[in-house]
N, C-alpha and C. Protein backbone atom coordinates (compact mmCIF):
# COMPACT_ATOMS: atom_id res chain seq x y z
N MET A 1 -45.90 -50.39 -87.72
CA MET A 1 -45.52 -51.16 -88.31
C MET A 1 -44.08 -50.32 -88.61
N THR A 2 -42.64 -50.49 -89.14
CA THR A 2 -41.77 -49.47 -88.84
C THR A 2 -42.18 -49.38 -90.56
N ASN A 3 -41.83 -48.37 -91.25
CA ASN A 3 -41.50 -48.85 -92.83
C ASN A 3 -40.30 -49.16 -93.71
N ALA A 4 -39.79 -49.77 -94.64
CA ALA A 4 -38.88 -49.97 -95.63
C ALA A 4 -37.57 -49.42 -94.97
N THR A 5 -37.81 -47.70 -95.58
CA THR A 5 -36.68 -46.57 -95.48
C THR A 5 -36.21 -46.89 -93.96
N ALA A 6 -36.52 -46.68 -92.53
CA ALA A 6 -36.16 -46.92 -91.70
C ALA A 6 -35.57 -47.78 -91.65
N ARG A 7 -36.06 -48.64 -91.53
CA ARG A 7 -35.29 -50.22 -91.14
C ARG A 7 -33.71 -50.34 -92.36
N LYS A 8 -34.35 -49.84 -93.73
CA LYS A 8 -33.06 -49.54 -94.52
C LYS A 8 -31.52 -49.17 -94.04
N PHE A 9 -32.33 -47.95 -93.03
CA PHE A 9 -31.57 -47.50 -92.65
C PHE A 9 -31.34 -47.72 -91.24
N GLY A 10 -31.28 -48.88 -90.80
CA GLY A 10 -30.69 -49.84 -89.40
C GLY A 10 -31.51 -49.62 -88.45
N TYR A 11 -32.31 -49.13 -88.57
CA TYR A 11 -33.76 -48.88 -87.14
C TYR A 11 -33.96 -50.40 -86.73
N PRO A 12 -34.26 -50.98 -85.70
CA PRO A 12 -33.58 -49.93 -84.41
C PRO A 12 -32.17 -49.38 -83.60
N GLN A 13 -31.77 -50.28 -84.40
CA GLN A 13 -30.32 -50.00 -83.72
C GLN A 13 -29.60 -48.75 -83.92
N THR A 14 -30.26 -47.75 -84.74
CA THR A 14 -29.12 -46.34 -85.46
C THR A 14 -30.11 -45.00 -85.00
N LYS A 15 -31.17 -46.29 -84.28
CA LYS A 15 -31.84 -44.40 -83.55
C LYS A 15 -31.71 -43.37 -82.60
N VAL A 16 -31.55 -42.43 -83.20
CA VAL A 16 -30.82 -41.07 -82.49
C VAL A 16 -31.73 -40.94 -81.41
N ALA A 17 -33.23 -40.48 -81.94
CA ALA A 17 -34.19 -40.27 -81.01
C ALA A 17 -35.31 -40.21 -82.30
N GLU A 18 -37.07 -40.03 -81.21
CA GLU A 18 -38.13 -40.16 -82.06
C GLU A 18 -38.91 -39.13 -81.46
N THR A 19 -39.52 -38.38 -82.56
CA THR A 19 -40.79 -37.93 -81.83
C THR A 19 -42.51 -38.65 -82.17
N GLU A 20 -43.37 -37.90 -82.46
CA GLU A 20 -44.61 -38.84 -82.76
C GLU A 20 -44.74 -38.90 -84.20
N HIS A 21 -44.11 -38.61 -84.72
CA HIS A 21 -44.39 -38.38 -86.41
C HIS A 21 -43.10 -38.90 -87.26
N TRP A 22 -41.88 -39.10 -86.37
CA TRP A 22 -40.33 -38.71 -86.88
C TRP A 22 -39.76 -39.56 -86.52
N LEU A 23 -39.07 -40.74 -86.73
CA LEU A 23 -37.19 -40.88 -86.72
C LEU A 23 -36.27 -40.13 -86.54
N VAL A 24 -35.52 -40.07 -86.21
CA VAL A 24 -33.08 -39.67 -86.36
C VAL A 24 -32.95 -41.12 -86.39
N LEU A 25 -32.39 -41.03 -87.11
CA LEU A 25 -31.21 -42.26 -87.50
C LEU A 25 -30.03 -42.15 -87.47
N VAL A 26 -29.13 -42.60 -87.39
CA VAL A 26 -27.63 -42.32 -87.86
C VAL A 26 -27.58 -42.84 -89.26
N ARG A 27 -27.23 -42.29 -89.90
CA ARG A 27 -26.42 -42.59 -91.79
C ARG A 27 -25.37 -43.67 -91.94
N PRO A 28 -25.97 -44.90 -91.90
CA PRO A 28 -24.66 -45.57 -91.51
C PRO A 28 -23.39 -45.41 -92.19
N GLN A 29 -23.97 -44.89 -94.22
CA GLN A 29 -21.68 -43.87 -94.60
C GLN A 29 -22.46 -42.85 -94.56
N GLN A 30 -21.50 -42.17 -93.63
CA GLN A 30 -21.35 -41.34 -92.74
C GLN A 30 -20.58 -40.16 -94.22
N PRO A 31 -21.30 -39.54 -95.38
CA PRO A 31 -20.45 -38.42 -96.34
C PRO A 31 -19.23 -37.68 -95.20
N THR A 32 -20.38 -37.16 -93.79
CA THR A 32 -20.00 -36.14 -92.85
C THR A 32 -19.78 -37.00 -91.86
N TYR A 33 -19.24 -36.37 -90.83
CA TYR A 33 -19.46 -37.09 -89.18
C TYR A 33 -20.95 -36.51 -88.64
N GLY A 34 -21.69 -37.02 -87.94
CA GLY A 34 -22.76 -37.13 -87.37
C GLY A 34 -24.14 -37.13 -88.74
N ALA A 35 -24.05 -37.69 -89.56
CA ALA A 35 -24.60 -37.29 -90.64
C ALA A 35 -26.17 -38.56 -90.29
N LEU A 36 -27.28 -37.81 -90.79
CA LEU A 36 -28.31 -38.69 -90.01
C LEU A 36 -29.52 -38.86 -90.89
N VAL A 37 -30.36 -38.94 -90.91
CA VAL A 37 -31.50 -39.69 -91.63
C VAL A 37 -32.79 -39.36 -91.03
N LEU A 38 -33.34 -38.17 -90.90
CA LEU A 38 -34.65 -38.38 -90.59
C LEU A 38 -35.66 -38.90 -91.38
N VAL A 39 -36.66 -39.87 -90.77
CA VAL A 39 -37.80 -41.08 -91.59
C VAL A 39 -39.08 -40.49 -90.79
N CYS A 40 -40.04 -40.24 -92.34
CA CYS A 40 -41.33 -40.01 -90.98
C CYS A 40 -41.89 -41.29 -91.27
N LYS A 41 -42.32 -41.45 -90.17
CA LYS A 41 -43.03 -42.80 -89.44
C LYS A 41 -45.01 -43.28 -90.53
N GLU A 42 -44.76 -41.88 -91.25
CA GLU A 42 -46.50 -42.15 -92.00
C GLU A 42 -46.47 -42.62 -92.82
N GLU A 43 -46.87 -43.23 -93.06
CA GLU A 43 -47.22 -43.72 -94.75
C GLU A 43 -47.20 -43.18 -96.17
N ALA A 44 -46.37 -42.30 -96.20
CA ALA A 44 -46.20 -41.27 -97.49
C ALA A 44 -44.89 -41.55 -98.41
N ALA A 45 -45.72 -40.77 -99.66
CA ALA A 45 -44.51 -41.45 -100.67
C ALA A 45 -44.13 -40.01 -100.91
N ALA A 46 -45.12 -38.99 -100.69
CA ALA A 46 -45.09 -37.93 -101.51
C ALA A 46 -44.73 -36.40 -100.27
N PHE A 47 -43.89 -35.71 -100.33
CA PHE A 47 -44.03 -34.62 -99.18
C PHE A 47 -45.15 -33.87 -99.17
N SER A 48 -45.53 -34.01 -100.11
CA SER A 48 -47.67 -33.17 -99.75
C SER A 48 -48.62 -34.46 -99.38
N ASP A 49 -48.45 -35.59 -99.14
CA ASP A 49 -48.38 -36.72 -98.71
C ASP A 49 -48.88 -36.92 -97.22
N LEU A 50 -48.28 -36.26 -96.60
CA LEU A 50 -47.76 -36.06 -94.85
C LEU A 50 -49.02 -35.27 -94.37
N SER A 51 -49.02 -35.60 -93.32
CA SER A 51 -50.49 -34.95 -92.77
C SER A 51 -50.05 -33.56 -92.22
N PRO A 52 -50.59 -32.43 -91.68
CA PRO A 52 -50.51 -31.49 -91.19
C PRO A 52 -49.87 -31.42 -89.71
N ALA A 53 -50.41 -32.89 -89.10
CA ALA A 53 -49.44 -32.84 -87.76
C ALA A 53 -47.74 -33.48 -87.48
N ALA A 54 -47.76 -34.25 -89.11
CA ALA A 54 -46.59 -34.76 -89.29
C ALA A 54 -45.58 -32.98 -89.43
N PHE A 55 -46.29 -32.58 -90.45
CA PHE A 55 -45.84 -31.11 -90.72
C PHE A 55 -45.51 -30.64 -89.37
N ALA A 56 -46.20 -30.15 -88.56
CA ALA A 56 -45.10 -29.45 -88.03
C ALA A 56 -45.00 -30.30 -86.75
N ASP A 57 -44.93 -31.27 -86.00
CA ASP A 57 -43.87 -31.96 -85.59
C ASP A 57 -42.10 -32.19 -86.47
N MET A 58 -42.39 -31.80 -87.34
CA MET A 58 -40.71 -31.79 -88.19
C MET A 58 -40.27 -31.02 -87.36
N LYS A 59 -41.27 -29.80 -86.83
CA LYS A 59 -40.24 -29.13 -86.38
C LYS A 59 -39.26 -29.09 -85.00
N GLN A 60 -40.03 -29.66 -84.32
CA GLN A 60 -39.51 -30.67 -83.15
C GLN A 60 -38.35 -31.24 -83.92
N ALA A 61 -38.53 -31.88 -84.30
CA ALA A 61 -37.19 -32.89 -84.73
C ALA A 61 -36.26 -32.03 -86.14
N VAL A 62 -36.19 -31.03 -86.47
CA VAL A 62 -35.16 -30.54 -86.76
C VAL A 62 -34.97 -29.38 -85.71
N ASP A 63 -35.75 -28.99 -84.70
CA ASP A 63 -34.25 -27.97 -83.43
C ASP A 63 -33.53 -28.93 -82.78
N GLY A 64 -34.08 -30.05 -82.62
CA GLY A 64 -33.71 -31.34 -82.13
C GLY A 64 -31.81 -31.86 -82.45
N ILE A 65 -32.26 -32.19 -83.87
CA ILE A 65 -31.40 -32.23 -84.71
C ILE A 65 -29.96 -31.37 -84.71
N GLU A 66 -30.18 -30.14 -85.28
CA GLU A 66 -30.23 -29.21 -84.77
C GLU A 66 -28.99 -28.61 -84.21
N ALA A 67 -29.90 -28.58 -82.59
CA ALA A 67 -28.58 -28.33 -81.81
C ALA A 67 -27.72 -29.61 -81.41
N LEU A 68 -28.49 -30.54 -81.52
CA LEU A 68 -27.71 -31.86 -81.33
C LEU A 68 -25.80 -31.70 -82.27
N LEU A 69 -26.31 -31.28 -83.33
CA LEU A 69 -25.38 -31.19 -84.48
C LEU A 69 -24.35 -29.89 -84.05
N ARG A 70 -24.92 -29.54 -83.96
CA ARG A 70 -24.48 -27.62 -83.34
C ARG A 70 -23.44 -27.66 -82.81
N HIS A 71 -23.96 -29.32 -81.35
CA HIS A 71 -22.99 -29.48 -80.31
C HIS A 71 -21.97 -29.63 -80.39
N THR A 72 -22.43 -31.41 -81.03
CA THR A 72 -21.37 -32.62 -80.78
C THR A 72 -20.41 -31.96 -82.58
N VAL A 73 -21.02 -31.83 -84.04
CA VAL A 73 -20.41 -31.53 -84.71
C VAL A 73 -19.86 -29.94 -85.17
N ALA A 74 -20.02 -29.36 -84.38
CA ALA A 74 -19.57 -27.77 -84.98
C ALA A 74 -19.96 -27.62 -85.60
N TYR A 75 -21.36 -27.98 -87.02
CA TYR A 75 -20.93 -27.61 -88.24
C TYR A 75 -21.12 -25.97 -88.58
N GLU A 76 -20.59 -25.75 -89.83
CA GLU A 76 -20.30 -24.29 -90.63
C GLU A 76 -22.19 -24.91 -91.27
N ARG A 77 -22.17 -25.40 -91.63
CA ARG A 77 -23.63 -25.08 -92.61
C ARG A 77 -24.66 -26.84 -92.37
N ILE A 78 -25.79 -26.81 -92.94
CA ILE A 78 -26.31 -28.24 -92.11
C ILE A 78 -27.27 -28.80 -93.76
N ASN A 79 -26.73 -29.13 -94.87
CA ASN A 79 -27.91 -29.82 -95.79
C ASN A 79 -28.75 -30.85 -95.48
N TYR A 80 -29.80 -30.39 -95.90
CA TYR A 80 -31.19 -31.24 -96.03
C TYR A 80 -31.41 -31.90 -97.19
N LEU A 81 -31.44 -33.12 -97.34
CA LEU A 81 -31.55 -33.90 -98.76
C LEU A 81 -32.84 -34.97 -98.94
N MET A 82 -33.81 -33.77 -99.73
CA MET A 82 -34.78 -35.47 -99.62
C MET A 82 -34.68 -35.81 -101.27
N LEU A 83 -33.84 -36.90 -101.38
CA LEU A 83 -33.47 -37.52 -102.43
C LEU A 83 -35.07 -38.89 -103.09
N MET A 84 -35.49 -39.63 -102.20
CA MET A 84 -36.30 -40.59 -102.17
C MET A 84 -36.58 -41.21 -103.78
N MET A 85 -35.09 -41.67 -104.59
CA MET A 85 -34.73 -41.97 -105.77
C MET A 85 -35.19 -43.29 -105.50
N VAL A 86 -34.34 -44.14 -104.50
CA VAL A 86 -34.29 -45.81 -103.92
C VAL A 86 -35.15 -45.51 -102.99
N ASP A 87 -35.32 -44.63 -101.35
CA ASP A 87 -36.32 -45.68 -100.63
C ASP A 87 -37.57 -44.71 -101.17
N PRO A 88 -38.88 -45.15 -101.71
CA PRO A 88 -39.48 -43.88 -101.54
C PRO A 88 -40.65 -43.20 -100.26
N ASP A 89 -40.21 -44.12 -99.05
CA ASP A 89 -40.91 -42.82 -97.84
C ASP A 89 -40.67 -41.65 -97.39
N VAL A 90 -41.03 -40.73 -97.63
CA VAL A 90 -40.72 -39.09 -96.84
C VAL A 90 -39.20 -39.45 -96.18
N HIS A 91 -38.62 -39.29 -96.24
CA HIS A 91 -37.00 -38.96 -95.71
C HIS A 91 -36.04 -38.07 -96.37
N PHE A 92 -35.49 -37.62 -95.05
CA PHE A 92 -34.59 -36.51 -95.04
C PHE A 92 -33.20 -37.04 -94.77
N HIS A 93 -31.62 -36.66 -95.85
CA HIS A 93 -30.50 -36.84 -95.39
C HIS A 93 -30.06 -35.74 -94.80
N ILE A 94 -29.39 -35.85 -93.74
CA ILE A 94 -28.92 -34.62 -93.45
C ILE A 94 -27.51 -34.76 -92.95
N LEU A 95 -27.23 -33.59 -93.26
CA LEU A 95 -25.69 -33.80 -93.26
C LEU A 95 -25.18 -32.69 -92.29
N PRO A 96 -24.17 -32.56 -91.90
CA PRO A 96 -23.78 -31.14 -91.25
C PRO A 96 -22.27 -30.94 -92.28
N ARG A 97 -22.30 -29.82 -92.05
CA ARG A 97 -21.06 -29.31 -93.61
C ARG A 97 -20.30 -29.02 -92.88
N TYR A 98 -18.96 -28.60 -93.33
CA TYR A 98 -17.43 -28.16 -92.39
C TYR A 98 -16.42 -28.52 -92.89
N GLU A 99 -15.60 -28.11 -93.03
CA GLU A 99 -14.44 -26.99 -93.35
C GLU A 99 -13.27 -28.34 -92.50
N GLY A 100 -12.46 -28.93 -93.01
CA GLY A 100 -11.57 -30.07 -92.44
C GLY A 100 -12.00 -31.37 -92.44
N ALA A 101 -12.07 -31.45 -91.20
CA ALA A 101 -11.99 -33.04 -90.38
C ALA A 101 -12.49 -33.10 -88.80
N ARG A 102 -13.45 -33.91 -89.00
CA ARG A 102 -13.96 -34.40 -87.90
C ARG A 102 -13.28 -35.48 -87.55
N GLU A 103 -13.13 -36.01 -85.39
CA GLU A 103 -12.81 -36.89 -85.47
C GLU A 103 -13.69 -38.09 -84.71
N TYR A 104 -13.95 -39.32 -84.62
CA TYR A 104 -14.38 -39.61 -84.09
C TYR A 104 -14.30 -41.16 -84.09
N ALA A 105 -13.87 -41.84 -82.69
CA ALA A 105 -13.74 -42.61 -82.77
C ALA A 105 -12.65 -43.66 -83.23
N GLY A 106 -11.57 -42.32 -83.21
CA GLY A 106 -10.35 -42.82 -84.13
C GLY A 106 -10.00 -42.87 -85.33
N ARG A 107 -11.37 -42.47 -85.79
CA ARG A 107 -11.51 -42.67 -87.22
C ARG A 107 -12.23 -40.40 -87.98
N SER A 108 -11.07 -40.51 -88.91
CA SER A 108 -11.35 -39.23 -89.53
C SER A 108 -12.53 -39.01 -90.67
N PHE A 109 -13.51 -37.99 -90.38
CA PHE A 109 -14.61 -37.41 -90.90
C PHE A 109 -14.07 -35.93 -91.95
N VAL A 110 -13.81 -36.38 -93.53
CA VAL A 110 -13.89 -35.08 -93.83
C VAL A 110 -15.06 -35.23 -94.67
N ASP A 111 -15.19 -33.77 -95.07
CA ASP A 111 -16.26 -33.48 -95.78
C ASP A 111 -15.73 -32.71 -97.10
N ALA A 112 -15.79 -33.34 -98.18
CA ALA A 112 -15.37 -33.93 -99.38
C ALA A 112 -15.56 -33.28 -100.39
N GLY A 113 -17.13 -32.24 -99.93
CA GLY A 113 -17.62 -31.59 -101.34
C GLY A 113 -17.64 -30.23 -100.65
N TRP A 114 -16.61 -29.76 -99.39
CA TRP A 114 -16.80 -28.45 -99.04
C TRP A 114 -15.47 -27.92 -99.32
N PRO A 115 -16.26 -26.12 -100.34
CA PRO A 115 -17.39 -26.18 -100.27
C PRO A 115 -18.88 -25.93 -100.92
N GLY A 116 -18.35 -26.86 -102.01
CA GLY A 116 -19.79 -26.77 -102.51
C GLY A 116 -20.66 -27.98 -102.42
N PRO A 117 -21.62 -28.81 -103.20
CA PRO A 117 -22.66 -30.02 -102.91
C PRO A 117 -21.83 -30.78 -102.03
N PRO A 118 -22.71 -31.59 -101.22
CA PRO A 118 -22.21 -32.41 -100.74
C PRO A 118 -21.73 -33.73 -101.36
N ALA A 119 -20.91 -34.30 -101.15
CA ALA A 119 -19.94 -35.08 -102.14
C ALA A 119 -21.06 -36.87 -101.29
N LEU A 120 -21.66 -37.43 -101.81
CA LEU A 120 -21.61 -38.56 -101.54
C LEU A 120 -21.33 -40.10 -101.36
N ALA A 121 -20.61 -40.08 -102.58
CA ALA A 121 -19.66 -40.91 -103.02
C ALA A 121 -18.06 -41.23 -102.04
N SER A 122 -17.97 -40.20 -101.85
CA SER A 122 -17.24 -39.63 -100.86
C SER A 122 -17.72 -39.97 -99.45
N HIS A 123 -17.06 -41.37 -98.20
CA HIS A 123 -18.38 -41.36 -97.08
C HIS A 123 -17.39 -42.52 -95.73
N VAL A 124 -17.55 -42.20 -94.86
CA VAL A 124 -16.82 -43.02 -93.91
C VAL A 124 -18.15 -44.48 -94.09
N ALA A 125 -17.84 -46.00 -94.05
CA ALA A 125 -18.74 -46.55 -94.36
C ALA A 125 -18.77 -47.17 -92.98
N LEU A 126 -19.78 -46.99 -92.33
CA LEU A 126 -19.49 -47.62 -90.49
C LEU A 126 -20.06 -48.65 -90.71
N SER A 127 -20.14 -50.23 -89.48
CA SER A 127 -20.20 -51.17 -89.50
C SER A 127 -21.85 -51.24 -88.90
N GLU A 128 -22.45 -52.00 -88.42
CA GLU A 128 -23.50 -52.39 -88.01
C GLU A 128 -23.44 -51.93 -86.52
N GLU A 129 -22.16 -52.20 -86.04
CA GLU A 129 -21.61 -52.15 -84.45
C GLU A 129 -21.38 -51.09 -84.43
N GLU A 130 -20.58 -49.92 -85.01
CA GLU A 130 -20.05 -48.42 -85.44
C GLU A 130 -21.43 -47.79 -85.08
N ALA A 131 -22.41 -48.19 -86.26
CA ALA A 131 -23.52 -47.03 -86.64
C ALA A 131 -24.46 -47.10 -85.09
N ALA A 132 -24.53 -48.33 -84.51
CA ALA A 132 -25.47 -48.48 -83.44
C ALA A 132 -24.46 -47.91 -82.28
N ALA A 133 -23.05 -47.71 -82.15
CA ALA A 133 -22.59 -47.31 -81.37
C ALA A 133 -22.97 -45.23 -81.38
N LEU A 134 -22.41 -45.36 -82.95
CA LEU A 134 -22.87 -43.80 -82.77
C LEU A 134 -23.80 -42.97 -82.39
N ALA A 135 -25.35 -44.35 -82.77
CA ALA A 135 -26.40 -43.71 -82.01
C ALA A 135 -26.35 -43.65 -80.90
N ALA A 136 -26.17 -44.93 -80.19
CA ALA A 136 -26.33 -44.92 -78.81
C ALA A 136 -25.32 -42.85 -78.35
N ASP A 137 -24.38 -42.90 -78.81
CA ASP A 137 -23.63 -41.53 -78.33
C ASP A 137 -24.54 -40.47 -78.22
N LEU A 138 -24.50 -40.39 -79.67
CA LEU A 138 -25.85 -39.18 -79.84
C LEU A 138 -27.01 -39.36 -79.85
N SER A 139 -27.62 -39.81 -79.25
CA SER A 139 -28.99 -40.07 -78.42
C SER A 139 -28.89 -39.09 -77.14
N ALA A 140 -27.55 -40.40 -76.04
CA ALA A 140 -27.13 -39.28 -75.01
C ALA A 140 -27.21 -38.36 -75.24
N ARG A 141 -26.73 -37.44 -76.11
CA ARG A 141 -26.57 -35.95 -76.17
C ARG A 141 -28.14 -35.05 -76.82
N TRP A 142 -29.20 -35.97 -77.34
CA TRP A 142 -30.61 -35.51 -77.89
C TRP A 142 -31.23 -35.14 -76.08
N ARG A 143 -31.40 -33.74 -76.47
CA ARG A 143 -32.61 -32.59 -75.30
C ARG A 143 -33.35 -32.85 -76.20
N SER A 144 -34.83 -33.11 -76.11
CA SER A 144 -35.82 -32.96 -76.57
C SER A 144 -36.69 -31.72 -75.76
């Protein structure tokens, strides 16, 4: 069964990729273009609760994420935020960071926090349909 955190971020419609232990999802609120959520499929409410296999498998997920976003977004930096204040399952918010704006589907995505900390409150809110379309586009570019 999929955990509540994955469902909150729109799983399965927002799924970009999946490894044995991780789901890569589009973040419906996009503080930067290509913002993702990496959600562990294990029942774990603390980072230290992850199995050794999940830690090892995270490497495959991160390699795929960075290759995808490097090619698609042309980020200058990438931020991994493990906030877990509202959603208790182990997950990371992944924000490609860049100066200026990126364009997608007729919309402009500005990194409002550049070059400082990410500005999560400043975001493009995708509809369910837009998030699913972005997930499909990114999934088609995923290299496993």
